Amino acid sequence: MSTFNVPKREEVSSNNQAIFDNLEKAVGFVPNLFATYAHSENALSNYLNLSNAKTSLKTKEKEAVNLAVSEVNNCIYCLSAHTAIGKMNGFTDDQILELRAGGASFDTKLDALAKLAKNITENRGATDASVLDNFFAAGWTKENLIDTIVLVGDKTISNYINNTTEVPVDFPVAQPLETVGA
């Protein structure tokens, strides 16, 4: 049972209220997980700055990482959010399931990226040499590697916040991977 409420706009600082207003304009609502960050005076803006920072990864590539990492970390909130975002960015349901499992048979380069993200997360950064070799052989660069590791950290932060606070999911709920297609 969660001991954390999802704060409403009037319950957060004026700085966080401004961020809530911007999220409302950009997204149409304030996702519960972002609202939960606002229990801290600085965490929401710090996280959004990290999450929206420039990167060498394209939007679909970022979603591949987000899905693989969130699956490893068993974060239903982030899996649900990134399933919805993945669909908005052109992934099919089957492709999203593959990415959650840490692969992408439909795209060699994304496959290497998803495998890397899964491996980094599972091994807490002690990446298997064969996975790293495969990543570079697929055409990724050292810049892409560093940006992927930063993104794994970014997503892990949200995964941990949700898994600790258990805020309600306000996206269509993603089904557990092992029950899909069963």
N, C-alpha and C. Protein backbone atom coordinates (compact mmCIF):
# COMPACT_ATOMS: atom_id res chain seq x y z
N MET A 1 0.85 -1.18 0.00
CA MET A 1 0.00 0.00 0.00
C MET A 1 0.89 1.24 0.00
N SER A 2 0.52 2.17 -0.84
CA SER A 2 1.30 3.40 -0.97
C SER A 2 1.05 4.34 0.19
N THR A 3 2.11 4.92 0.70
CA THR A 3 1.98 5.96 1.72
C THR A 3 2.16 7.33 1.09
N PHE A 4 2.28 7.36 -0.21
CA PHE A 4 2.50 8.61 -0.93
C PHE A 4 1.24 9.03 -1.66
N ASN A 5 0.83 10.25 -1.42
CA ASN A 5 -0.26 10.81 -2.21
C ASN A 5 0.32 11.38 -3.49
N VAL A 6 -0.53 11.54 -4.46
CA VAL A 6 -0.16 12.26 -5.67
C VAL A 6 -0.56 13.70 -5.41
N PRO A 7 0.42 14.60 -5.22
CA PRO A 7 0.07 15.96 -4.86
C PRO A 7 -0.67 16.69 -5.98
N LYS A 8 -1.61 17.48 -5.56
CA LYS A 8 -2.34 18.34 -6.48
C LYS A 8 -1.59 19.66 -6.62
N ARG A 9 -1.94 20.42 -7.62
CA ARG A 9 -1.23 21.67 -7.91
C ARG A 9 -1.13 22.56 -6.69
N GLU A 10 -2.22 22.72 -5.94
CA GLU A 10 -2.22 23.62 -4.78
C GLU A 10 -1.39 23.10 -3.61
N GLU A 11 -0.93 21.87 -3.69
CA GLU A 11 -0.14 21.27 -2.61
C GLU A 11 1.37 21.34 -2.85
N VAL A 12 1.77 21.90 -3.99
CA VAL A 12 3.19 21.94 -4.32
C VAL A 12 3.69 23.39 -4.35
N SER A 13 4.99 23.54 -4.38
CA SER A 13 5.61 24.88 -4.38
C SER A 13 5.22 25.66 -5.63
N SER A 14 5.43 26.95 -5.59
CA SER A 14 5.10 27.79 -6.75
C SER A 14 5.95 27.41 -7.96
N ASN A 15 7.21 27.03 -7.73
CA ASN A 15 8.04 26.57 -8.85
C ASN A 15 7.45 25.32 -9.49
N ASN A 16 7.03 24.38 -8.66
CA ASN A 16 6.43 23.15 -9.20
C ASN A 16 5.06 23.43 -9.81
N GLN A 17 4.32 24.40 -9.29
CA GLN A 17 3.04 24.76 -9.89
C GLN A 17 3.25 25.24 -11.33
N ALA A 18 4.30 26.02 -11.54
CA ALA A 18 4.60 26.49 -12.90
C ALA A 18 4.93 25.32 -13.82
N ILE A 19 5.66 24.35 -13.30
CA ILE A 19 5.97 23.15 -14.10
C ILE A 19 4.69 22.38 -14.39
N PHE A 20 3.82 22.24 -13.39
CA PHE A 20 2.54 21.57 -13.60
C PHE A 20 1.77 22.27 -14.74
N ASP A 21 1.75 23.59 -14.72
CA ASP A 21 1.04 24.36 -15.76
C ASP A 21 1.63 24.07 -17.13
N ASN A 22 2.96 24.02 -17.22
CA ASN A 22 3.62 23.72 -18.51
C ASN A 22 3.32 22.30 -18.96
N LEU A 23 3.32 21.34 -18.03
CA LEU A 23 2.98 19.96 -18.38
C LEU A 23 1.54 19.87 -18.87
N GLU A 24 0.66 20.57 -18.19
CA GLU A 24 -0.75 20.59 -18.57
C GLU A 24 -0.90 21.08 -20.01
N LYS A 25 -0.18 22.12 -20.37
CA LYS A 25 -0.23 22.67 -21.73
C LYS A 25 0.38 21.70 -22.75
N ALA A 26 1.51 21.11 -22.40
CA ALA A 26 2.25 20.27 -23.34
C ALA A 26 1.65 18.87 -23.49
N VAL A 27 1.22 18.28 -22.38
CA VAL A 27 0.80 16.87 -22.38
C VAL A 27 -0.72 16.75 -22.26
N GLY A 28 -1.35 17.76 -21.70
CA GLY A 28 -2.79 17.71 -21.50
C GLY A 28 -3.17 17.34 -20.08
N PHE A 29 -2.20 16.89 -19.30
CA PHE A 29 -2.40 16.56 -17.89
C PHE A 29 -1.04 16.46 -17.23
N VAL A 30 -1.03 16.38 -15.91
CA VAL A 30 0.22 16.17 -15.16
C VAL A 30 0.26 14.70 -14.78
N PRO A 31 1.13 13.91 -15.41
CA PRO A 31 1.21 12.51 -15.06
C PRO A 31 1.50 12.32 -13.56
N ASN A 32 0.85 11.33 -12.97
CA ASN A 32 0.99 11.09 -11.54
C ASN A 32 2.45 10.95 -11.10
N LEU A 33 3.27 10.30 -11.92
CA LEU A 33 4.66 10.13 -11.53
C LEU A 33 5.38 11.48 -11.47
N PHE A 34 5.14 12.34 -12.44
CA PHE A 34 5.75 13.67 -12.41
C PHE A 34 5.25 14.45 -11.21
N ALA A 35 3.96 14.35 -10.91
CA ALA A 35 3.42 15.04 -9.74
C ALA A 35 4.10 14.55 -8.47
N THR A 36 4.42 13.27 -8.42
CA THR A 36 5.07 12.71 -7.24
C THR A 36 6.48 13.28 -7.06
N TYR A 37 7.17 13.55 -8.15
CA TYR A 37 8.47 14.21 -8.06
C TYR A 37 8.35 15.54 -7.31
N ALA A 38 7.17 16.18 -7.41
CA ALA A 38 6.98 17.52 -6.83
C ALA A 38 6.87 17.51 -5.31
N HIS A 39 6.95 16.34 -4.68
CA HIS A 39 7.11 16.32 -3.22
C HIS A 39 8.42 17.00 -2.84
N SER A 40 9.35 17.03 -3.78
CA SER A 40 10.63 17.71 -3.61
C SER A 40 10.57 19.07 -4.31
N GLU A 41 11.18 20.04 -3.73
CA GLU A 41 11.24 21.38 -4.34
C GLU A 41 11.98 21.34 -5.68
N ASN A 42 13.00 20.48 -5.80
CA ASN A 42 13.88 20.51 -6.97
C ASN A 42 13.82 19.30 -7.88
N ALA A 43 13.33 18.19 -7.40
CA ALA A 43 13.44 16.93 -8.16
C ALA A 43 12.71 16.97 -9.50
N LEU A 44 11.53 17.57 -9.55
CA LEU A 44 10.78 17.57 -10.80
C LEU A 44 11.53 18.35 -11.88
N SER A 45 11.98 19.55 -11.58
CA SER A 45 12.69 20.31 -12.61
C SER A 45 14.02 19.64 -12.96
N ASN A 46 14.71 19.11 -11.96
CA ASN A 46 15.97 18.40 -12.25
C ASN A 46 15.73 17.21 -13.16
N TYR A 47 14.70 16.43 -12.86
CA TYR A 47 14.42 15.25 -13.67
C TYR A 47 14.01 15.65 -15.09
N LEU A 48 13.13 16.63 -15.22
CA LEU A 48 12.70 17.04 -16.56
C LEU A 48 13.86 17.61 -17.37
N ASN A 49 14.76 18.31 -16.71
CA ASN A 49 15.96 18.80 -17.42
C ASN A 49 16.80 17.64 -17.93
N LEU A 50 16.99 16.62 -17.11
CA LEU A 50 17.74 15.44 -17.53
C LEU A 50 17.00 14.72 -18.65
N SER A 51 15.73 14.49 -18.46
CA SER A 51 14.93 13.73 -19.41
C SER A 51 14.82 14.43 -20.76
N ASN A 52 14.80 15.74 -20.77
CA ASN A 52 14.66 16.50 -22.01
C ASN A 52 15.97 17.03 -22.57
N ALA A 53 17.08 16.62 -21.98
CA ALA A 53 18.39 17.09 -22.43
C ALA A 53 18.70 16.57 -23.84
N LYS A 54 19.56 17.29 -24.54
CA LYS A 54 20.00 16.86 -25.87
C LYS A 54 20.69 15.52 -25.77
N THR A 55 20.50 14.70 -26.79
CA THR A 55 21.09 13.37 -26.85
C THR A 55 21.31 12.98 -28.30
N SER A 56 22.18 12.04 -28.52
CA SER A 56 22.41 11.53 -29.88
C SER A 56 21.35 10.50 -30.27
N LEU A 57 20.51 10.11 -29.33
CA LEU A 57 19.47 9.12 -29.62
C LEU A 57 18.20 9.80 -30.12
N LYS A 58 17.61 9.21 -31.15
CA LYS A 58 16.35 9.71 -31.69
C LYS A 58 15.20 9.25 -30.78
N THR A 59 14.05 9.82 -30.99
CA THR A 59 12.88 9.54 -30.13
C THR A 59 12.56 8.05 -30.05
N LYS A 60 12.48 7.38 -31.17
CA LYS A 60 12.16 5.94 -31.15
C LYS A 60 13.26 5.14 -30.45
N GLU A 61 14.49 5.56 -30.61
CA GLU A 61 15.60 4.88 -29.94
C GLU A 61 15.50 5.05 -28.44
N LYS A 62 15.13 6.26 -28.01
CA LYS A 62 14.94 6.50 -26.57
C LYS A 62 13.82 5.61 -26.03
N GLU A 63 12.75 5.47 -26.79
CA GLU A 63 11.65 4.62 -26.33
C GLU A 63 12.07 3.16 -26.24
N ALA A 64 12.92 2.71 -27.15
CA ALA A 64 13.42 1.33 -27.07
C ALA A 64 14.16 1.12 -25.75
N VAL A 65 14.99 2.07 -25.38
CA VAL A 65 15.72 1.99 -24.11
C VAL A 65 14.75 2.06 -22.93
N ASN A 66 13.83 3.02 -22.97
CA ASN A 66 12.87 3.18 -21.87
C ASN A 66 12.07 1.91 -21.62
N LEU A 67 11.64 1.25 -22.69
CA LEU A 67 10.85 0.03 -22.55
C LEU A 67 11.67 -1.12 -21.99
N ALA A 68 12.89 -1.30 -22.49
CA ALA A 68 13.73 -2.40 -22.00
C ALA A 68 14.10 -2.20 -20.53
N VAL A 69 14.48 -0.99 -20.17
CA VAL A 69 14.88 -0.70 -18.79
C VAL A 69 13.69 -0.85 -17.84
N SER A 70 12.55 -0.33 -18.22
CA SER A 70 11.37 -0.40 -17.36
C SER A 70 10.90 -1.82 -17.15
N GLU A 71 11.09 -2.68 -18.16
CA GLU A 71 10.74 -4.10 -18.01
C GLU A 71 11.67 -4.76 -17.00
N VAL A 72 12.97 -4.55 -17.15
CA VAL A 72 13.92 -5.14 -16.20
C VAL A 72 13.62 -4.68 -14.78
N ASN A 73 13.31 -3.40 -14.63
CA ASN A 73 13.06 -2.84 -13.30
C ASN A 73 11.62 -3.05 -12.83
N ASN A 74 10.83 -3.76 -13.63
CA ASN A 74 9.47 -4.13 -13.26
C ASN A 74 8.65 -2.92 -12.82
N CYS A 75 8.69 -1.88 -13.62
CA CYS A 75 7.96 -0.65 -13.30
C CYS A 75 6.71 -0.54 -14.17
N ILE A 76 5.58 -0.91 -13.61
CA ILE A 76 4.33 -0.91 -14.37
C ILE A 76 3.95 0.49 -14.82
N TYR A 77 4.23 1.50 -14.02
CA TYR A 77 3.90 2.87 -14.43
C TYR A 77 4.66 3.24 -15.70
N CYS A 78 5.98 3.07 -15.68
CA CYS A 78 6.79 3.46 -16.83
C CYS A 78 6.53 2.56 -18.04
N LEU A 79 6.27 1.27 -17.81
CA LEU A 79 5.91 0.40 -18.93
C LEU A 79 4.62 0.87 -19.58
N SER A 80 3.66 1.26 -18.77
CA SER A 80 2.38 1.74 -19.30
C SER A 80 2.57 3.06 -20.06
N ALA A 81 3.29 4.00 -19.45
CA ALA A 81 3.52 5.29 -20.10
C ALA A 81 4.29 5.12 -21.40
N HIS A 82 5.35 4.32 -21.39
CA HIS A 82 6.19 4.19 -22.58
C HIS A 82 5.59 3.27 -23.63
N THR A 83 4.65 2.42 -23.25
CA THR A 83 3.88 1.69 -24.25
C THR A 83 3.01 2.68 -25.03
N ALA A 84 2.35 3.57 -24.32
CA ALA A 84 1.52 4.60 -24.98
C ALA A 84 2.39 5.51 -25.85
N ILE A 85 3.52 5.95 -25.31
CA ILE A 85 4.41 6.85 -26.06
C ILE A 85 5.02 6.12 -27.26
N GLY A 86 5.37 4.85 -27.06
CA GLY A 86 5.91 4.05 -28.16
C GLY A 86 4.91 3.93 -29.31
N LYS A 87 3.64 3.73 -28.98
CA LYS A 87 2.60 3.66 -30.02
C LYS A 87 2.48 5.00 -30.74
N MET A 88 2.54 6.10 -29.98
CA MET A 88 2.46 7.43 -30.60
C MET A 88 3.64 7.68 -31.53
N ASN A 89 4.75 6.99 -31.30
CA ASN A 89 5.94 7.16 -32.12
C ASN A 89 6.08 6.08 -33.19
N GLY A 90 5.03 5.31 -33.42
CA GLY A 90 5.01 4.41 -34.56
C GLY A 90 5.33 2.95 -34.31
N PHE A 91 5.59 2.55 -33.08
CA PHE A 91 5.82 1.14 -32.80
C PHE A 91 4.49 0.40 -32.75
N THR A 92 4.48 -0.83 -33.25
CA THR A 92 3.29 -1.67 -33.15
C THR A 92 3.28 -2.35 -31.77
N ASP A 93 2.15 -2.94 -31.43
CA ASP A 93 2.05 -3.67 -30.15
C ASP A 93 3.12 -4.76 -30.06
N ASP A 94 3.29 -5.53 -31.15
CA ASP A 94 4.28 -6.61 -31.14
C ASP A 94 5.70 -6.08 -31.00
N GLN A 95 5.99 -4.97 -31.66
CA GLN A 95 7.32 -4.37 -31.55
C GLN A 95 7.58 -3.89 -30.12
N ILE A 96 6.57 -3.32 -29.50
CA ILE A 96 6.72 -2.86 -28.11
C ILE A 96 7.01 -4.04 -27.19
N LEU A 97 6.33 -5.14 -27.40
CA LEU A 97 6.58 -6.34 -26.58
C LEU A 97 8.01 -6.84 -26.76
N GLU A 98 8.48 -6.83 -28.00
CA GLU A 98 9.87 -7.24 -28.25
C GLU A 98 10.86 -6.32 -27.55
N LEU A 99 10.61 -5.02 -27.65
CA LEU A 99 11.51 -4.05 -27.01
C LEU A 99 11.49 -4.22 -25.50
N ARG A 100 10.33 -4.47 -24.93
CA ARG A 100 10.25 -4.72 -23.49
C ARG A 100 11.09 -5.94 -23.11
N ALA A 101 11.11 -6.94 -23.97
CA ALA A 101 11.88 -8.16 -23.71
C ALA A 101 13.37 -7.96 -23.98
N GLY A 102 13.74 -6.80 -24.52
CA GLY A 102 15.15 -6.51 -24.75
C GLY A 102 15.66 -6.91 -26.11
N GLY A 103 14.82 -6.81 -27.12
CA GLY A 103 15.24 -7.13 -28.47
C GLY A 103 14.36 -6.43 -29.48
N ALA A 104 14.72 -6.59 -30.76
CA ALA A 104 13.94 -5.99 -31.84
C ALA A 104 14.26 -6.71 -33.14
N SER A 105 13.62 -7.85 -33.38
CA SER A 105 13.89 -8.63 -34.59
C SER A 105 13.58 -7.85 -35.86
N PHE A 106 12.79 -6.80 -35.74
CA PHE A 106 12.36 -6.00 -36.88
C PHE A 106 13.38 -4.93 -37.29
N ASP A 107 14.46 -4.75 -36.50
CA ASP A 107 15.45 -3.71 -36.80
C ASP A 107 16.76 -4.06 -36.10
N THR A 108 17.78 -4.38 -36.88
CA THR A 108 19.07 -4.83 -36.33
C THR A 108 19.68 -3.81 -35.39
N LYS A 109 19.63 -2.55 -35.77
CA LYS A 109 20.25 -1.51 -34.95
C LYS A 109 19.50 -1.32 -33.64
N LEU A 110 18.16 -1.27 -33.69
CA LEU A 110 17.37 -1.17 -32.46
C LEU A 110 17.54 -2.41 -31.60
N ASP A 111 17.71 -3.58 -32.25
CA ASP A 111 17.93 -4.82 -31.50
C ASP A 111 19.18 -4.71 -30.64
N ALA A 112 20.26 -4.22 -31.22
CA ALA A 112 21.52 -4.06 -30.47
C ALA A 112 21.34 -3.05 -29.34
N LEU A 113 20.58 -2.00 -29.58
CA LEU A 113 20.33 -0.98 -28.56
C LEU A 113 19.50 -1.54 -27.42
N ALA A 114 18.42 -2.24 -27.74
CA ALA A 114 17.56 -2.81 -26.70
C ALA A 114 18.31 -3.86 -25.89
N LYS A 115 19.11 -4.66 -26.56
CA LYS A 115 19.90 -5.68 -25.84
C LYS A 115 20.90 -5.00 -24.89
N LEU A 116 21.52 -3.92 -25.35
CA LEU A 116 22.46 -3.19 -24.51
C LEU A 116 21.75 -2.61 -23.29
N ALA A 117 20.63 -1.95 -23.51
CA ALA A 117 19.89 -1.32 -22.40
C ALA A 117 19.47 -2.37 -21.38
N LYS A 118 18.99 -3.50 -21.85
CA LYS A 118 18.59 -4.58 -20.94
C LYS A 118 19.78 -5.09 -20.15
N ASN A 119 20.89 -5.32 -20.85
CA ASN A 119 22.09 -5.88 -20.22
C ASN A 119 22.69 -4.92 -19.20
N ILE A 120 22.76 -3.64 -19.54
CA ILE A 120 23.28 -2.64 -18.60
C ILE A 120 22.43 -2.64 -17.33
N THR A 121 21.12 -2.66 -17.51
CA THR A 121 20.21 -2.60 -16.37
C THR A 121 20.30 -3.86 -15.52
N GLU A 122 20.26 -5.01 -16.16
CA GLU A 122 20.34 -6.27 -15.42
C GLU A 122 21.65 -6.41 -14.65
N ASN A 123 22.73 -5.94 -15.24
CA ASN A 123 24.06 -6.12 -14.66
C ASN A 123 24.57 -4.89 -13.94
N ARG A 124 23.67 -3.91 -13.72
CA ARG A 124 24.01 -2.68 -13.01
C ARG A 124 25.28 -2.03 -13.54
N GLY A 125 25.35 -1.98 -14.87
CA GLY A 125 26.45 -1.30 -15.54
C GLY A 125 27.64 -2.17 -15.92
N ALA A 126 27.70 -3.39 -15.42
CA ALA A 126 28.80 -4.30 -15.78
C ALA A 126 28.41 -5.02 -17.07
N THR A 127 28.43 -4.29 -18.17
CA THR A 127 27.93 -4.75 -19.46
C THR A 127 28.76 -5.91 -19.99
N ASP A 128 28.07 -6.92 -20.52
CA ASP A 128 28.76 -8.05 -21.14
C ASP A 128 29.49 -7.57 -22.40
N ALA A 129 30.73 -8.00 -22.55
CA ALA A 129 31.56 -7.58 -23.69
C ALA A 129 30.91 -7.93 -25.02
N SER A 130 30.28 -9.10 -25.13
CA SER A 130 29.65 -9.50 -26.39
C SER A 130 28.48 -8.58 -26.75
N VAL A 131 27.75 -8.11 -25.75
CA VAL A 131 26.63 -7.20 -25.99
C VAL A 131 27.17 -5.85 -26.46
N LEU A 132 28.23 -5.40 -25.85
CA LEU A 132 28.85 -4.14 -26.24
C LEU A 132 29.44 -4.24 -27.65
N ASP A 133 30.11 -5.34 -27.95
CA ASP A 133 30.66 -5.56 -29.30
C ASP A 133 29.54 -5.54 -30.34
N ASN A 134 28.43 -6.19 -30.03
CA ASN A 134 27.28 -6.24 -30.94
C ASN A 134 26.71 -4.83 -31.16
N PHE A 135 26.68 -4.04 -30.12
CA PHE A 135 26.19 -2.66 -30.19
C PHE A 135 27.03 -1.85 -31.19
N PHE A 136 28.34 -1.93 -31.05
CA PHE A 136 29.22 -1.19 -31.97
C PHE A 136 29.17 -1.77 -33.38
N ALA A 137 29.07 -3.09 -33.50
CA ALA A 137 28.99 -3.73 -34.82
C ALA A 137 27.72 -3.32 -35.56
N ALA A 138 26.68 -2.96 -34.83
CA ALA A 138 25.42 -2.55 -35.45
C ALA A 138 25.47 -1.09 -35.94
N GLY A 139 26.59 -0.41 -35.68
CA GLY A 139 26.75 0.94 -36.20
C GLY A 139 26.62 2.05 -35.16
N TRP A 140 26.48 1.69 -33.90
CA TRP A 140 26.40 2.71 -32.85
C TRP A 140 27.79 3.23 -32.53
N THR A 141 27.86 4.42 -31.96
CA THR A 141 29.13 5.07 -31.64
C THR A 141 29.35 5.13 -30.12
N LYS A 142 30.54 5.58 -29.75
CA LYS A 142 30.82 5.78 -28.32
C LYS A 142 29.91 6.85 -27.74
N GLU A 143 29.61 7.89 -28.51
CA GLU A 143 28.66 8.90 -28.06
C GLU A 143 27.30 8.26 -27.76
N ASN A 144 26.85 7.39 -28.67
CA ASN A 144 25.58 6.71 -28.46
C ASN A 144 25.61 5.86 -27.19
N LEU A 145 26.75 5.21 -26.93
CA LEU A 145 26.90 4.39 -25.73
C LEU A 145 26.72 5.24 -24.48
N ILE A 146 27.43 6.36 -24.42
CA ILE A 146 27.35 7.22 -23.23
C ILE A 146 25.93 7.76 -23.08
N ASP A 147 25.32 8.20 -24.17
CA ASP A 147 23.95 8.71 -24.11
C ASP A 147 22.96 7.62 -23.69
N THR A 148 23.20 6.39 -24.11
CA THR A 148 22.34 5.27 -23.69
C THR A 148 22.48 5.02 -22.20
N ILE A 149 23.69 5.04 -21.69
CA ILE A 149 23.90 4.84 -20.25
C ILE A 149 23.22 5.94 -19.45
N VAL A 150 23.31 7.19 -19.91
CA VAL A 150 22.62 8.29 -19.23
C VAL A 150 21.11 8.05 -19.25
N LEU A 151 20.58 7.60 -20.39
CA LEU A 151 19.15 7.32 -20.48
C LEU A 151 18.74 6.16 -19.58
N VAL A 152 19.57 5.14 -19.46
CA VAL A 152 19.28 4.04 -18.52
C VAL A 152 19.17 4.60 -17.11
N GLY A 153 20.09 5.50 -16.75
CA GLY A 153 20.04 6.12 -15.43
C GLY A 153 18.79 6.96 -15.26
N ASP A 154 18.45 7.75 -16.26
CA ASP A 154 17.25 8.59 -16.26
C ASP A 154 16.01 7.73 -16.00
N LYS A 155 15.87 6.66 -16.77
CA LYS A 155 14.68 5.83 -16.65
C LYS A 155 14.68 5.07 -15.33
N THR A 156 15.84 4.66 -14.87
CA THR A 156 15.92 3.94 -13.59
C THR A 156 15.45 4.83 -12.44
N ILE A 157 15.75 6.11 -12.50
CA ILE A 157 15.28 7.04 -11.47
C ILE A 157 13.76 6.98 -11.38
N SER A 158 13.09 7.12 -12.51
CA SER A 158 11.63 7.08 -12.51
C SER A 158 11.11 5.71 -12.08
N ASN A 159 11.77 4.66 -12.55
CA ASN A 159 11.35 3.31 -12.15
C ASN A 159 11.41 3.16 -10.64
N TYR A 160 12.49 3.62 -10.04
CA TYR A 160 12.66 3.49 -8.60
C TYR A 160 11.67 4.36 -7.83
N ILE A 161 11.43 5.57 -8.32
CA ILE A 161 10.45 6.42 -7.64
C ILE A 161 9.08 5.76 -7.67
N ASN A 162 8.68 5.26 -8.83
CA ASN A 162 7.37 4.61 -8.90
C ASN A 162 7.33 3.33 -8.08
N ASN A 163 8.34 2.51 -8.18
CA ASN A 163 8.32 1.24 -7.44
C ASN A 163 8.33 1.45 -5.94
N THR A 164 8.86 2.58 -5.48
CA THR A 164 8.87 2.90 -4.05
C THR A 164 7.56 3.55 -3.61
N THR A 165 7.03 4.46 -4.42
CA THR A 165 5.84 5.21 -4.02
C THR A 165 4.53 4.55 -4.43
N GLU A 166 4.59 3.70 -5.45
CA GLU A 166 3.41 2.99 -5.96
C GLU A 166 2.26 3.93 -6.32
N VAL A 167 2.58 5.03 -7.00
CA VAL A 167 1.52 5.95 -7.41
C VAL A 167 0.64 5.28 -8.46
N PRO A 168 -0.64 5.65 -8.50
CA PRO A 168 -1.55 5.04 -9.48
C PRO A 168 -1.12 5.34 -10.92
N VAL A 169 -1.27 4.33 -11.76
CA VAL A 169 -0.96 4.46 -13.19
C VAL A 169 -2.09 5.24 -13.85
N ASP A 170 -1.76 6.29 -14.55
CA ASP A 170 -2.77 7.10 -15.24
C ASP A 170 -2.61 7.04 -16.76
N PHE A 171 -2.13 5.91 -17.24
CA PHE A 171 -2.05 5.56 -18.66
C PHE A 171 -2.75 4.21 -18.80
N PRO A 172 -3.12 3.80 -20.02
CA PRO A 172 -3.64 2.44 -20.16
C PRO A 172 -2.58 1.46 -19.62
N VAL A 173 -2.97 0.57 -18.74
CA VAL A 173 -2.02 -0.29 -18.03
C VAL A 173 -1.47 -1.37 -18.95
N ALA A 174 -0.14 -1.42 -19.04
CA ALA A 174 0.54 -2.46 -19.82
C ALA A 174 0.42 -3.78 -19.07
N GLN A 175 0.17 -4.82 -19.83
CA GLN A 175 0.04 -6.15 -19.22
C GLN A 175 1.43 -6.71 -18.93
N PRO A 176 1.55 -7.54 -17.89
CA PRO A 176 2.85 -8.19 -17.64
C PRO A 176 3.29 -8.96 -18.89
N LEU A 177 4.54 -8.89 -19.20
CA LEU A 177 5.08 -9.48 -20.42
C LEU A 177 4.77 -10.97 -20.50
N GLU A 178 4.88 -11.69 -19.40
CA GLU A 178 4.67 -13.14 -19.44
C GLU A 178 3.21 -13.53 -19.67
N THR A 179 2.26 -12.61 -19.47
CA THR A 179 0.85 -12.95 -19.69
C THR A 179 0.37 -12.55 -21.07
N VAL A 180 1.14 -11.76 -21.78
CA VAL A 180 0.73 -11.31 -23.12
C VAL A 180 0.81 -12.49 -24.08
N GLY A 181 -0.26 -12.72 -24.78
CA GLY A 181 -0.30 -13.81 -25.76
C GLY A 181 -0.48 -15.17 -25.15
N ALA A 182 -0.64 -15.26 -23.84
CA ALA A 182 -0.81 -16.57 -23.19
C ALA A 182 -2.23 -17.06 -23.32
